[in-house]
Amino acid sequence: MRKIVLADRKKAAQRGWKMTEMWNISSNPHIRDKRKSSDLMSLVLIALLPATIFGVINFGIDALKVIVLSVTGSVLTEYVYEKLMHKK
């Protein structure tokens, strides 16, 4: 890893670049809003409903089983994590 970094520095020096020109460092691309995360996630769920319905219509009950198992697994995993970390 160190050799790669040194090689990159040598290439940059050969091209006349300074290290500050190589990396563009800026703040995180987060948008500040008064909405809560739970409100945004509700909108995401609403947006995913048409794709979910389309998938169940095209692929049948097996697609619905996969969706239900995935959501259940995700919720249970988050629940166990929060209990282990003594949250909520």
C-alpha atoms as a PDB file:
ATOM      1  CA  MET A   1       0.000   0.000   0.000  1.00  0.00           C
ATOM      2  CA  ARG A   2       2.759   2.402   0.913  1.00  0.00           C
ATOM      3  CA  LYS A   3       4.540   1.788  -2.398  1.00  0.00           C
ATOM      4  CA  ILE A   4       1.379   2.689  -4.289  1.00  0.00           C
ATOM      5  CA  VAL A   5       1.033   5.948  -2.379  1.00  0.00           C
ATOM      6  CA  LEU A   6       4.672   6.832  -3.010  1.00  0.00           C
ATOM      7  CA  ALA A   7       4.271   5.992  -6.697  1.00  0.00           C
ATOM      8  CA  ASP A   8       1.227   8.273  -6.870  1.00  0.00           C
ATOM      9  CA  ARG A   9       3.211  11.074  -5.256  1.00  0.00           C
ATOM     10  CA  LYS A  10       6.026  10.625  -7.764  1.00  0.00           C
ATOM     11  CA  LYS A  11       3.549  10.743 -10.669  1.00  0.00           C
ATOM     12  CA  ALA A  12       1.949  13.851  -9.210  1.00  0.00           C
ATOM     13  CA  ALA A  13       5.342  15.522  -8.820  1.00  0.00           C
ATOM     14  CA  GLN A  14       6.257  14.643 -12.410  1.00  0.00           C
ATOM     15  CA  ARG A  15       3.061  16.236 -13.642  1.00  0.00           C
ATOM     16  CA  GLY A  16       3.682  19.343 -11.573  1.00  0.00           C
ATOM     17  CA  TRP A  17       0.766  18.769  -9.222  1.00  0.00           C
ATOM     18  CA  LYS A  18       0.823  19.662  -5.605  1.00  0.00           C
ATOM     19  CA  MET A  19      -0.709  17.265  -3.114  1.00  0.00           C
ATOM     20  CA  THR A  20      -3.504  19.736  -2.389  1.00  0.00           C
ATOM     21  CA  GLU A  21      -4.464  19.690  -6.068  1.00  0.00           C
ATOM     22  CA  MET A  22      -4.736  15.900  -6.099  1.00  0.00           C
ATOM     23  CA  TRP A  23      -7.467  15.607  -3.487  1.00  0.00           C
ATOM     24  CA  ASN A  24     -10.642  17.641  -3.369  1.00  0.00           C
ATOM     25  CA  ILE A  25     -11.738  17.611   0.258  1.00  0.00           C
ATOM     26  CA  SER A  26     -15.161  18.989   1.052  1.00  0.00           C
ATOM     27  CA  SER A  27     -17.918  18.566   3.600  1.00  0.00           C
ATOM     28  CA  ASN A  28     -20.410  15.724   3.497  1.00  0.00           C
ATOM     29  CA  PRO A  29     -23.147  15.988   0.870  1.00  0.00           C
ATOM     30  CA  HIS A  30     -25.981  15.941   3.393  1.00  0.00           C
ATOM     31  CA  ILE A  31     -29.072  18.050   2.870  1.00  0.00           C
ATOM     32  CA  ARG A  32     -30.445  19.710   5.954  1.00  0.00           C
ATOM     33  CA  ASP A  33     -34.198  19.597   6.302  1.00  0.00           C
ATOM     34  CA  LYS A  34     -36.798  19.840   9.044  1.00  0.00           C
ATOM     35  CA  ARG A  35     -38.196  16.417   8.172  1.00  0.00           C
ATOM     36  CA  LYS A  36     -37.396  13.454  10.375  1.00  0.00           C
ATOM     37  CA  SER A  37     -35.719  10.329   9.059  1.00  0.00           C
ATOM     38  CA  SER A  38     -38.871   8.330   9.780  1.00  0.00           C
ATOM     39  CA  ASP A  39     -40.898  10.687   7.567  1.00  0.00           C
ATOM     40  CA  LEU A  40     -38.425  10.264   4.729  1.00  0.00           C
ATOM     41  CA  MET A  41     -38.435   6.484   5.123  1.00  0.00           C
ATOM     42  CA  SER A  42     -42.238   6.525   4.894  1.00  0.00           C
ATOM     43  CA  LEU A  43     -41.917   8.315   1.569  1.00  0.00           C
ATOM     44  CA  VAL A  44     -39.390   5.709   0.424  1.00  0.00           C
ATOM     45  CA  LEU A  45     -41.818   2.917   1.312  1.00  0.00           C
ATOM     46  CA  ILE A  46     -44.589   4.623  -0.630  1.00  0.00           C
ATOM     47  CA  ALA A  47     -42.270   5.006  -3.617  1.00  0.00           C
ATOM     48  CA  LEU A  48     -41.358   1.298  -3.485  1.00  0.00           C
ATOM     49  CA  LEU A  49     -44.955   0.073  -3.427  1.00  0.00           C
ATOM     50  CA  PRO A  50     -45.500   0.129  -7.221  1.00  0.00           C
ATOM     51  CA  ALA A  51     -42.323  -1.888  -7.825  1.00  0.00           C
ATOM     52  CA  THR A  52     -43.306  -4.334  -5.088  1.00  0.00           C
ATOM     53  CA  ILE A  53     -46.793  -4.818  -6.508  1.00  0.00           C
ATOM     54  CA  PHE A  54     -45.387  -5.230 -10.019  1.00  0.00           C
ATOM     55  CA  GLY A  55     -42.901  -7.832  -8.780  1.00  0.00           C
ATOM     56  CA  VAL A  56     -45.568  -9.832  -6.965  1.00  0.00           C
ATOM     57  CA  ILE A  57     -47.841  -9.737 -10.015  1.00  0.00           C
ATOM     58  CA  ASN A  58     -45.047 -10.879 -12.353  1.00  0.00           C
ATOM     59  CA  PHE A  59     -43.306 -13.432 -10.139  1.00  0.00           C
ATOM     60  CA  GLY A  60     -46.170 -14.631  -7.964  1.00  0.00           C
ATOM     61  CA  ILE A  61     -46.431 -15.514  -4.324  1.00  0.00           C
ATOM     62  CA  ASP A  62     -42.756 -16.508  -4.091  1.00  0.00           C
ATOM     63  CA  ALA A  63     -41.744 -12.870  -4.594  1.00  0.00           C
ATOM     64  CA  LEU A  64     -44.053 -11.865  -1.754  1.00  0.00           C
ATOM     65  CA  LYS A  65     -42.492 -14.531   0.469  1.00  0.00           C
ATOM     66  CA  VAL A  66     -39.002 -13.175  -0.262  1.00  0.00           C
ATOM     67  CA  ILE A  67     -40.110  -9.611   0.505  1.00  0.00           C
ATOM     68  CA  VAL A  68     -41.783 -10.599   3.785  1.00  0.00           C
ATOM     69  CA  LEU A  69     -38.792 -12.688   4.895  1.00  0.00           C
ATOM     70  CA  SER A  70     -36.350  -9.893   4.002  1.00  0.00           C
ATOM     71  CA  VAL A  71     -38.277  -7.234   5.889  1.00  0.00           C
ATOM     72  CA  THR A  72     -38.800  -9.529   8.888  1.00  0.00           C
ATOM     73  CA  GLY A  73     -35.100 -10.391   8.993  1.00  0.00           C
ATOM     74  CA  SER A  74     -34.116  -6.740   8.789  1.00  0.00           C
ATOM     75  CA  VAL A  75     -36.477  -5.676  11.556  1.00  0.00           C
ATOM     76  CA  LEU A  76     -35.400  -8.553  13.826  1.00  0.00           C
ATOM     77  CA  THR A  77     -31.722  -7.829  13.218  1.00  0.00           C
ATOM     78  CA  GLU A  78     -32.196  -4.175  14.116  1.00  0.00           C
ATOM     79  CA  TYR A  79     -34.188  -5.137  17.209  1.00  0.00           C
ATOM     80  CA  VAL A  80     -31.480  -7.525  18.436  1.00  0.00           C
ATOM     81  CA  TYR A  81     -28.751  -4.962  17.732  1.00  0.00           C
ATOM     82  CA  GLU A  82     -30.566  -2.261  19.692  1.00  0.00           C
ATOM     83  CA  LYS A  83     -31.101  -4.628  22.626  1.00  0.00           C
ATOM     84  CA  LEU A  84     -27.424  -5.623  22.613  1.00  0.00           C
ATOM     85  CA  MET A  85     -26.318  -1.982  22.488  1.00  0.00           C
ATOM     86  CA  HIS A  86     -28.831  -1.019  25.204  1.00  0.00           C
ATOM     87  CA  LYS A  87     -30.664   1.417  22.967  1.00  0.00           C
ATOM     88  CA  LYS A  88     -34.358   2.213  23.357  1.00  0.00           C
END
